[in-house]
Structure formats: C-alpha cells, structure tokens
Amino acid sequence: MNKISKWIKKYTRKNKLSALVIGVSGGIDSALVSTLCAETGLPTYIISMPIHQKQDQLSRARNHANWLTTKYKNVKFIEKEMTNLFDKFTTIFSDEEKSPLSLANSRSRLRMVTLYQIAGVLNGIVVGTGNKVEDFGVGFFTKYGDGGVDISPIADLTKTEVRAMAKELGISEEIVQAKPTDGLWEDDRTDEEQIGASYEELEWAMEYKDTEDDISERQKQVLKIYKSFNNRNQHKMKKIPIFRNKK
C-alpha cells in the first residue's frame, strides 16, 4: 500500500473515525486523493457536487467514480446536484452584495458544507485535495471552501509528483491530461490562465533561492507572479491571528 494511504489509514483509526469523504471534480488532484483513500480499505465516499458544471468536468468525475467503485468494494459514489441550491442562495443578495469572485468562492463553500454534512453522519473525515503549490505556494484555494478540510494527504506533493503518482495508480489518461481548473466559473478558464503561470513554472519559483543571476525574462515574470500571489494569500496559508490578552 502507498505510504500516503497508510498515513491516512493510521490517522483515521487513531482518531476513531469510520469513513473518508472526498469531493471529486474531474481533476487530477481529487482523482489521486480519492484513489489513495480507496487504497486504505476504509469506507470511502466520493462526492460529486455539480453547480452549473461543464459537461466534460462532470463526465470525468463520473468516469473516475465508475472506475473506483468497480475496482474497490469499499468505495461509494454520491452525486449531489447543487445548481438549484446555489441559484437560490444568490437571490438573497443584492447586486451590490455580489461579485463574480465572491460567487465563485461561495460555490466552493457550499460544497464544503455538503462534505461535512455527509462526514458528520458517517463519523467521517473530510479529506483535502490541495497540492503543495496551491496550499503553500500561491494560496490558490478558497478559504473555508476547498481549504476547509481535516487532513491534506497531497499538500506536500507538487503537481508534477501528483501526475506521476496518478499514472502509477492507473488513473485515467483523460484526467491526467486534463488542464487543471477549479470549476468555479461559468467559462472554461483554467488554473494556469487565472494565475498567469504553469504549475511547472510555479514549482520552479517555489524552489528558487535568489542565487542565480542569469535567469530569463519569463522566469523573472514567473517570480513576480509567484511572489504576488504568495504575499496576498498569506492570510489563507497562515494560522488565524489571535489577540493575546496579556495580564
């Protein structure tokens, strides 16, 4: 069994929990995490939560779910169509109280609430799907959305390592080759289009030590992008500040 699967299983049993709950989007990160959870042998619930979802994303999530439930008897697939819920949610706000970004983040937060609802009934744990670049590099996740989890099995893996492990575990090529997207927008924008750099470039920027004088103009641009995201998203990546009442 993969060492990450062993870690998940050990943590779950140590804390006397009974199930693993993972949101699946049709992307490689959630596909890998759900497969690693399935490998534990513990009851594993993979949840698809479409909200105005693109058909290709939804099809990949369903295909992955079919593969997992066929291969692993401990896996159950649940799909919760949440478009009507989201649309109803938006009606309680005036136009001044809404923005495209806030609504995109609300999709992620509604999904988080759904995962915890299911996990609570099952005495389960919500398993995160963020990778190292997203969680500790550029902070490319929704605070209290997909960032609201109990454990993060792949948060120390780069996207390159995620892809390699996914291939090793037999995850479908359509998922491995799909362009990463958070699936929170009405259009087809990818993660890399939103950030302005590829994951491979961001991985390089995370490891850059300011010791090389001879870097290209593109590398300089990538460093600027990386530092900008890293600086403004520190509030996501650090612990919540606490006022200390010294007596």
C-alpha atoms as a PDB file:
ATOM      1  CA  MET A   1       0.000   0.000   0.000  1.00  0.00           C
ATOM      2  CA  ASN A   2       1.194   3.514  -0.796  1.00  0.00           C
ATOM      3  CA  LYS A   3       2.760   5.285   2.192  1.00  0.00           C
ATOM      4  CA  ILE A   4       0.223   8.115   1.905  1.00  0.00           C
ATOM      5  CA  SER A   5      -2.634   5.602   2.093  1.00  0.00           C
ATOM      6  CA  LYS A   6      -1.030   4.090   5.178  1.00  0.00           C
ATOM      7  CA  TRP A   7      -0.791   7.565   6.725  1.00  0.00           C
ATOM      8  CA  ILE A   8      -4.477   8.241   6.018  1.00  0.00           C
ATOM      9  CA  LYS A   9      -5.491   4.901   7.493  1.00  0.00           C
ATOM     10  CA  LYS A  10      -3.345   5.347  10.605  1.00  0.00           C
ATOM     11  CA  TYR A  11      -4.709   8.840  11.259  1.00  0.00           C
ATOM     12  CA  THR A  12      -8.314   7.711  10.776  1.00  0.00           C
ATOM     13  CA  ARG A  13      -8.027   4.737  13.104  1.00  0.00           C
ATOM     14  CA  LYS A  14      -6.082   6.675  15.731  1.00  0.00           C
ATOM     15  CA  ASN A  15      -8.876   9.228  15.923  1.00  0.00           C
ATOM     16  CA  LYS A  16     -11.589   6.534  15.978  1.00  0.00           C
ATOM     17  CA  LEU A  17     -13.181   7.733  12.747  1.00  0.00           C
ATOM     18  CA  SER A  18     -15.201   5.469  10.488  1.00  0.00           C
ATOM     19  CA  ALA A  19     -15.131   6.862   6.944  1.00  0.00           C
ATOM     20  CA  LEU A  20     -13.312   9.033   4.420  1.00  0.00           C
ATOM     21  CA  VAL A  21     -15.215  11.702   2.488  1.00  0.00           C
ATOM     22  CA  ILE A  22     -13.736  13.355  -0.609  1.00  0.00           C
ATOM     23  CA  GLY A  23     -15.157  15.806  -3.121  1.00  0.00           C
ATOM     24  CA  VAL A  24     -14.342  14.839  -6.707  1.00  0.00           C
ATOM     25  CA  SER A  25     -14.301  17.367  -9.531  1.00  0.00           C
ATOM     26  CA  GLY A  26     -12.948  15.507 -12.531  1.00  0.00           C
ATOM     27  CA  GLY A  27      -9.480  16.906 -11.868  1.00  0.00           C
ATOM     28  CA  ILE A  28      -6.260  15.055 -11.152  1.00  0.00           C
ATOM     29  CA  ASP A  29      -5.826  16.151  -7.515  1.00  0.00           C
ATOM     30  CA  SER A  30      -9.203  14.858  -6.337  1.00  0.00           C
ATOM     31  CA  ALA A  31      -8.814  11.755  -8.504  1.00  0.00           C
ATOM     32  CA  LEU A  32      -5.500  10.937  -6.856  1.00  0.00           C
ATOM     33  CA  VAL A  33      -6.711  11.612  -3.309  1.00  0.00           C
ATOM     34  CA  SER A  34      -9.885   9.560  -3.769  1.00  0.00           C
ATOM     35  CA  THR A  35      -7.803   6.669  -5.122  1.00  0.00           C
ATOM     36  CA  LEU A  36      -5.359   6.865  -2.219  1.00  0.00           C
ATOM     37  CA  CYS A  37      -8.320   6.806   0.163  1.00  0.00           C
ATOM     38  CA  ALA A  38      -9.802   3.811  -1.637  1.00  0.00           C
ATOM     39  CA  GLU A  39      -6.469   2.026  -1.209  1.00  0.00           C
ATOM     40  CA  THR A  40      -6.853   2.197   2.589  1.00  0.00           C
ATOM     41  CA  GLY A  41      -9.706  -0.298   2.531  1.00  0.00           C
ATOM     42  CA  LEU A  42     -11.721   2.026   4.765  1.00  0.00           C
ATOM     43  CA  PRO A  43     -15.266   3.080   3.802  1.00  0.00           C
ATOM     44  CA  THR A  44     -14.637   5.794   1.212  1.00  0.00           C
ATOM     45  CA  TYR A  45     -17.317   8.169  -0.040  1.00  0.00           C
ATOM     46  CA  ILE A  46     -16.566  10.204  -3.135  1.00  0.00           C
ATOM     47  CA  ILE A  47     -18.918  13.108  -3.679  1.00  0.00           C
ATOM     48  CA  SER A  48     -19.588  14.980  -6.917  1.00  0.00           C
ATOM     49  CA  MET A  49     -21.299  18.340  -6.349  1.00  0.00           C
ATOM     50  CA  PRO A  50     -22.027  19.974  -9.721  1.00  0.00           C
ATOM     51  CA  ILE A  51     -23.001  23.656  -9.778  1.00  0.00           C
ATOM     52  CA  HIS A  52     -23.540  24.812 -13.367  1.00  0.00           C
ATOM     53  CA  GLN A  53     -20.774  22.328 -14.122  1.00  0.00           C
ATOM     54  CA  LYS A  54     -19.157  21.926 -17.515  1.00  0.00           C
ATOM     55  CA  GLN A  55     -20.100  18.576 -19.032  1.00  0.00           C
ATOM     56  CA  ASP A  56     -16.514  17.453 -19.588  1.00  0.00           C
ATOM     57  CA  GLN A  57     -15.656  18.033 -15.917  1.00  0.00           C
ATOM     58  CA  LEU A  58     -18.757  16.165 -14.772  1.00  0.00           C
ATOM     59  CA  SER A  59     -18.127  13.295 -17.189  1.00  0.00           C
ATOM     60  CA  ARG A  60     -14.557  12.872 -15.938  1.00  0.00           C
ATOM     61  CA  ALA A  61     -15.769  12.805 -12.318  1.00  0.00           C
ATOM     62  CA  ARG A  62     -18.400  10.187 -13.137  1.00  0.00           C
ATOM     63  CA  ASN A  63     -15.993   8.066 -15.172  1.00  0.00           C
ATOM     64  CA  HIS A  64     -13.470   8.147 -12.340  1.00  0.00           C
ATOM     65  CA  ALA A  65     -16.190   7.211  -9.858  1.00  0.00           C
ATOM     66  CA  ASN A  66     -17.241   4.250 -12.001  1.00  0.00           C
ATOM     67  CA  TRP A  67     -13.613   3.076 -12.193  1.00  0.00           C
ATOM     68  CA  LEU A  68     -13.139   3.384  -8.430  1.00  0.00           C
ATOM     69  CA  THR A  69     -16.408   1.686  -7.440  1.00  0.00           C
ATOM     70  CA  THR A  70     -15.648  -1.184  -9.821  1.00  0.00           C
ATOM     71  CA  LYS A  71     -12.100  -1.655  -8.573  1.00  0.00           C
ATOM     72  CA  TYR A  72     -12.657  -1.044  -4.852  1.00  0.00           C
ATOM     73  CA  LYS A  73     -15.611  -2.515  -2.985  1.00  0.00           C
ATOM     74  CA  ASN A  74     -15.165  -0.063  -0.110  1.00  0.00           C
ATOM     75  CA  VAL A  75     -15.985   2.948  -2.328  1.00  0.00           C
ATOM     76  CA  LYS A  76     -19.401   4.557  -2.686  1.00  0.00           C
ATOM     77  CA  PHE A  77     -20.188   7.340  -5.160  1.00  0.00           C
ATOM     78  CA  ILE A  78     -22.710  10.060  -4.338  1.00  0.00           C
ATOM     79  CA  GLU A  79     -23.726  12.892  -6.639  1.00  0.00           C
ATOM     80  CA  LYS A  80     -25.446  15.954  -5.215  1.00  0.00           C
ATOM     81  CA  GLU A  81     -26.766  18.325  -7.879  1.00  0.00           C
ATOM     82  CA  MET A  82     -26.355  21.728  -6.231  1.00  0.00           C
ATOM     83  CA  THR A  83     -27.185  24.164  -9.028  1.00  0.00           C
ATOM     84  CA  ASN A  84     -30.658  24.987  -7.697  1.00  0.00           C
ATOM     85  CA  LEU A  85     -29.299  25.441  -4.177  1.00  0.00           C
ATOM     86  CA  PHE A  86     -26.616  27.830  -5.408  1.00  0.00           C
ATOM     87  CA  ASP A  87     -29.061  29.794  -7.558  1.00  0.00           C
ATOM     88  CA  LYS A  88     -31.434  30.141  -4.607  1.00  0.00           C
ATOM     89  CA  PHE A  89     -28.552  31.238  -2.384  1.00  0.00           C
ATOM     90  CA  THR A  90     -27.626  34.033  -4.774  1.00  0.00           C
ATOM     91  CA  THR A  91     -31.151  35.506  -4.676  1.00  0.00           C
ATOM     92  CA  ILE A  92     -30.825  36.648  -1.051  1.00  0.00           C
ATOM     93  CA  PHE A  93     -28.127  39.164  -2.021  1.00  0.00           C
ATOM     94  CA  SER A  94     -28.479  42.464  -3.828  1.00  0.00           C
ATOM     95  CA  ASP A  95     -26.294  43.219  -6.843  1.00  0.00           C
ATOM     96  CA  GLU A  96     -24.101  45.383  -4.599  1.00  0.00           C
ATOM     97  CA  GLU A  97     -23.508  42.380  -2.337  1.00  0.00           C
ATOM     98  CA  LYS A  98     -22.300  40.118  -5.143  1.00  0.00           C
ATOM     99  CA  SER A  99     -19.215  39.890  -7.342  1.00  0.00           C
ATOM    100  CA  PRO A 100     -18.042  37.146  -9.734  1.00  0.00           C
ATOM    101  CA  LEU A 101     -15.213  36.189  -7.347  1.00  0.00           C
ATOM    102  CA  SER A 102     -17.394  36.116  -4.227  1.00  0.00           C
ATOM    103  CA  LEU A 103     -19.959  33.925  -6.002  1.00  0.00           C
ATOM    104  CA  ALA A 104     -17.235  31.585  -7.267  1.00  0.00           C
ATOM    105  CA  ASN A 105     -15.933  31.199  -3.718  1.00  0.00           C
ATOM    106  CA  SER A 106     -19.475  30.611  -2.474  1.00  0.00           C
ATOM    107  CA  ARG A 107     -19.734  27.586  -4.740  1.00  0.00           C
ATOM    108  CA  SER A 108     -16.674  26.124  -3.042  1.00  0.00           C
ATOM    109  CA  ARG A 109     -18.012  26.920   0.437  1.00  0.00           C
ATOM    110  CA  LEU A 110     -21.390  25.317  -0.257  1.00  0.00           C
ATOM    111  CA  ARG A 111     -19.554  22.180  -1.324  1.00  0.00           C
ATOM    112  CA  MET A 112     -17.504  22.229   1.885  1.00  0.00           C
ATOM    113  CA  VAL A 113     -20.708  22.386   3.964  1.00  0.00           C
ATOM    114  CA  THR A 114     -22.093  19.445   1.994  1.00  0.00           C
ATOM    115  CA  LEU A 115     -18.996  17.323   2.582  1.00  0.00           C
ATOM    116  CA  TYR A 116     -19.128  17.975   6.318  1.00  0.00           C
ATOM    117  CA  GLN A 117     -22.831  17.180   6.420  1.00  0.00           C
ATOM    118  CA  ILE A 118     -22.122  13.770   4.937  1.00  0.00           C
ATOM    119  CA  ALA A 119     -18.992  13.214   7.032  1.00  0.00           C
ATOM    120  CA  GLY A 120     -20.877  14.093  10.219  1.00  0.00           C
ATOM    121  CA  VAL A 121     -23.486  11.417   9.617  1.00  0.00           C
ATOM    122  CA  LEU A 122     -20.819   8.815   8.862  1.00  0.00           C
ATOM    123  CA  ASN A 123     -18.458   9.688  11.735  1.00  0.00           C
ATOM    124  CA  GLY A 124     -16.132  10.506   8.895  1.00  0.00           C
ATOM    125  CA  ILE A 125     -13.369  12.886   7.981  1.00  0.00           C
ATOM    126  CA  VAL A 126     -13.190  15.330   5.069  1.00  0.00           C
ATOM    127  CA  VAL A 127     -10.031  14.661   3.078  1.00  0.00           C
ATOM    128  CA  GLY A 128      -8.411  17.607   1.294  1.00  0.00           C
ATOM    129  CA  THR A 129      -7.246  17.591  -2.316  1.00  0.00           C
ATOM    130  CA  GLY A 130      -4.883  20.594  -2.415  1.00  0.00           C
ATOM    131  CA  ASN A 131      -1.326  20.144  -3.677  1.00  0.00           C
ATOM    132  CA  LYS A 132       1.875  21.834  -2.497  1.00  0.00           C
ATOM    133  CA  VAL A 133       1.827  24.712  -4.989  1.00  0.00           C
ATOM    134  CA  GLU A 134      -1.782  25.585  -4.217  1.00  0.00           C
ATOM    135  CA  ASP A 135      -1.652  25.147  -0.443  1.00  0.00           C
ATOM    136  CA  PHE A 136       1.780  26.594   0.359  1.00  0.00           C
ATOM    137  CA  GLY A 137       2.961  28.410  -2.749  1.00  0.00           C
ATOM    138  CA  VAL A 138       0.321  30.675  -4.273  1.00  0.00           C
ATOM    139  CA  GLY A 139      -2.629  30.020  -1.939  1.00  0.00           C
ATOM    140  CA  PHE A 140      -4.851  29.083  -4.875  1.00  0.00           C
ATOM    141  CA  PHE A 141      -7.825  27.763  -2.943  1.00  0.00           C
ATOM    142  CA  THR A 142     -10.970  29.094  -1.305  1.00  0.00           C
ATOM    143  CA  LYS A 143     -10.658  29.912   2.365  1.00  0.00           C
ATOM    144  CA  TYR A 144     -13.250  27.778   4.205  1.00  0.00           C
ATOM    145  CA  GLY A 145     -14.133  26.211   0.862  1.00  0.00           C
ATOM    146  CA  ASP A 146     -11.847  23.576  -0.621  1.00  0.00           C
ATOM    147  CA  GLY A 147      -9.383  24.769   2.036  1.00  0.00           C
ATOM    148  CA  GLY A 148     -11.791  23.608   4.763  1.00  0.00           C
ATOM    149  CA  VAL A 149     -10.650  20.030   5.377  1.00  0.00           C
ATOM    150  CA  ASP A 150      -9.482  17.729   8.164  1.00  0.00           C
ATOM    151  CA  ILE A 151      -6.370  16.239   6.583  1.00  0.00           C
ATOM    152  CA  SER A 152      -4.305  17.063   3.476  1.00  0.00           C
ATOM    153  CA  PRO A 153      -2.627  13.950   2.038  1.00  0.00           C
ATOM    154  CA  ILE A 154      -1.026  15.544  -1.041  1.00  0.00           C
ATOM    155  CA  ALA A 155      -0.209  19.015   0.304  1.00  0.00           C
ATOM    156  CA  ASP A 156       3.494  18.142   0.192  1.00  0.00           C
ATOM    157  CA  LEU A 157       3.367  16.939  -3.430  1.00  0.00           C
ATOM    158  CA  THR A 158       3.984  19.172  -6.429  1.00  0.00           C
ATOM    159  CA  LYS A 159       1.706  18.924  -9.461  1.00  0.00           C
ATOM    160  CA  THR A 160       4.471  17.031 -11.250  1.00  0.00           C
ATOM    161  CA  GLU A 161       4.552  14.472  -8.421  1.00  0.00           C
ATOM    162  CA  VAL A 162       0.753  14.285  -8.410  1.00  0.00           C
ATOM    163  CA  ARG A 163       0.710  13.450 -12.123  1.00  0.00           C
ATOM    164  CA  ALA A 164       3.405  10.793 -11.717  1.00  0.00           C
ATOM    165  CA  MET A 165       1.582   9.113  -8.836  1.00  0.00           C
ATOM    166  CA  ALA A 166      -1.739   9.264 -10.673  1.00  0.00           C
ATOM    167  CA  LYS A 167      -0.221   7.438 -13.642  1.00  0.00           C
ATOM    168  CA  GLU A 168       1.337   4.852 -11.323  1.00  0.00           C
ATOM    169  CA  LEU A 169      -2.062   4.138  -9.764  1.00  0.00           C
ATOM    170  CA  GLY A 170      -3.764   3.746 -13.140  1.00  0.00           C
ATOM    171  CA  ILE A 171      -5.916   6.869 -13.064  1.00  0.00           C
ATOM    172  CA  SER A 172      -7.378   7.540 -16.498  1.00  0.00           C
ATOM    173  CA  GLU A 173      -5.390   9.439 -19.092  1.00  0.00           C
ATOM    174  CA  GLU A 174      -8.309  11.825 -19.688  1.00  0.00           C
ATOM    175  CA  ILE A 175      -7.882  13.070 -16.116  1.00  0.00           C
ATOM    176  CA  VAL A 176      -4.080  13.057 -16.157  1.00  0.00           C
ATOM    177  CA  GLN A 177      -4.029  15.135 -19.357  1.00  0.00           C
ATOM    178  CA  ALA A 178      -6.909  17.489 -18.475  1.00  0.00           C
ATOM    179  CA  LYS A 179      -5.988  21.130 -17.958  1.00  0.00           C
ATOM    180  CA  PRO A 180      -6.279  21.974 -14.223  1.00  0.00           C
ATOM    181  CA  THR A 181      -9.340  24.068 -13.376  1.00  0.00           C
ATOM    182  CA  ASP A 182     -11.117  24.940 -10.151  1.00  0.00           C
ATOM    183  CA  GLY A 183     -14.503  24.561 -11.863  1.00  0.00           C
ATOM    184  CA  LEU A 184     -15.932  27.645 -10.140  1.00  0.00           C
ATOM    185  CA  TRP A 185     -16.668  29.784 -13.186  1.00  0.00           C
ATOM    186  CA  GLU A 186     -19.217  29.808 -15.980  1.00  0.00           C
ATOM    187  CA  ASP A 187     -16.497  29.809 -18.654  1.00  0.00           C
ATOM    188  CA  ASP A 188     -13.650  27.368 -19.333  1.00  0.00           C
ATOM    189  CA  ARG A 189     -10.836  29.283 -17.628  1.00  0.00           C
ATOM    190  CA  THR A 190      -8.034  27.082 -16.325  1.00  0.00           C
ATOM    191  CA  ASP A 191      -5.981  27.468 -13.157  1.00  0.00           C
ATOM    192  CA  GLU A 192      -2.932  28.442 -15.161  1.00  0.00           C
ATOM    193  CA  GLU A 193      -4.875  31.123 -17.059  1.00  0.00           C
ATOM    194  CA  GLN A 194      -6.087  32.593 -13.773  1.00  0.00           C
ATOM    195  CA  ILE A 195      -2.627  32.541 -12.210  1.00  0.00           C
ATOM    196  CA  GLY A 196      -0.642  33.522 -15.294  1.00  0.00           C
ATOM    197  CA  ALA A 197       1.916  30.720 -14.998  1.00  0.00           C
ATOM    198  CA  SER A 198       2.025  26.953 -15.380  1.00  0.00           C
ATOM    199  CA  TYR A 199       2.340  24.647 -12.382  1.00  0.00           C
ATOM    200  CA  GLU A 200       5.798  23.619 -13.592  1.00  0.00           C
ATOM    201  CA  GLU A 201       6.860  27.271 -13.628  1.00  0.00           C
ATOM    202  CA  LEU A 202       5.410  27.817 -10.152  1.00  0.00           C
ATOM    203  CA  GLU A 203       7.240  24.747  -8.852  1.00  0.00           C
ATOM    204  CA  TRP A 204      10.469  26.274 -10.129  1.00  0.00           C
ATOM    205  CA  ALA A 205       9.633  29.597  -8.451  1.00  0.00           C
ATOM    206  CA  MET A 206       8.977  27.874  -5.109  1.00  0.00           C
ATOM    207  CA  GLU A 207      12.454  26.337  -5.203  1.00  0.00           C
ATOM    208  CA  TYR A 208      14.260  29.438  -6.487  1.00  0.00           C
ATOM    209  CA  LYS A 209      16.806  30.705  -3.946  1.00  0.00           C
ATOM    210  CA  ASP A 210      17.711  34.117  -5.440  1.00  0.00           C
ATOM    211  CA  THR A 211      21.213  32.812  -6.124  1.00  0.00           C
ATOM    212  CA  GLU A 212      21.067  32.738  -9.921  1.00  0.00           C
ATOM    213  CA  ASP A 213      21.822  35.978 -11.730  1.00  0.00           C
ATOM    214  CA  ASP A 214      21.264  34.618 -15.211  1.00  0.00           C
ATOM    215  CA  ILE A 215      17.543  33.906 -15.485  1.00  0.00           C
ATOM    216  CA  SER A 216      15.301  34.593 -18.453  1.00  0.00           C
ATOM    217  CA  GLU A 217      12.736  37.368 -18.747  1.00  0.00           C
ATOM    218  CA  ARG A 218       9.983  34.776 -18.492  1.00  0.00           C
ATOM    219  CA  GLN A 219      11.474  33.404 -15.277  1.00  0.00           C
ATOM    220  CA  LYS A 220      11.588  36.921 -13.863  1.00  0.00           C
ATOM    221  CA  GLN A 221       7.927  37.323 -14.761  1.00  0.00           C
ATOM    222  CA  VAL A 222       7.043  33.998 -13.131  1.00  0.00           C
ATOM    223  CA  LEU A 223       8.859  35.007  -9.942  1.00  0.00           C
ATOM    224  CA  LYS A 224       6.875  38.235  -9.870  1.00  0.00           C
ATOM    225  CA  ILE A 225       3.596  36.326 -10.316  1.00  0.00           C
ATOM    226  CA  TYR A 226       4.543  33.795  -7.649  1.00  0.00           C
ATOM    227  CA  LYS A 227       5.566  36.428  -5.091  1.00  0.00           C
ATOM    228  CA  SER A 228       2.418  38.465  -5.743  1.00  0.00           C
ATOM    229  CA  PHE A 229       0.094  35.505  -5.101  1.00  0.00           C
ATOM    230  CA  ASN A 230       2.170  34.297  -2.165  1.00  0.00           C
ATOM    231  CA  ASN A 231       2.131  37.708  -0.466  1.00  0.00           C
ATOM    232  CA  ARG A 232      -1.547  38.487  -0.868  1.00  0.00           C
ATOM    233  CA  ASN A 233      -2.684  34.992   0.091  1.00  0.00           C
ATOM    234  CA  GLN A 234      -0.704  34.692   3.307  1.00  0.00           C
ATOM    235  CA  HIS A 235      -3.971  35.085   5.238  1.00  0.00           C
ATOM    236  CA  LYS A 236      -5.015  31.700   3.828  1.00  0.00           C
ATOM    237  CA  MET A 237      -1.747  29.892   4.431  1.00  0.00           C
ATOM    238  CA  LYS A 238      -1.022  31.048   7.978  1.00  0.00           C
ATOM    239  CA  LYS A 239      -2.878  30.365  11.187  1.00  0.00           C
ATOM    240  CA  ILE A 240      -5.648  32.776  12.134  1.00  0.00           C
ATOM    241  CA  PRO A 241      -4.182  35.702  14.093  1.00  0.00           C
ATOM    242  CA  ILE A 242      -5.149  35.703  17.760  1.00  0.00           C
ATOM    243  CA  PHE A 243      -5.131  38.683  20.066  1.00  0.00           C
ATOM    244  CA  ARG A 244      -3.211  37.663  23.193  1.00  0.00           C
ATOM    245  CA  ASN A 245      -4.698  39.227  26.304  1.00  0.00           C
ATOM    246  CA  LYS A 246      -1.601  39.614  28.441  1.00  0.00           C
ATOM    247  CA  LYS A 247      -2.348  40.110  32.129  1.00  0.00           C
END
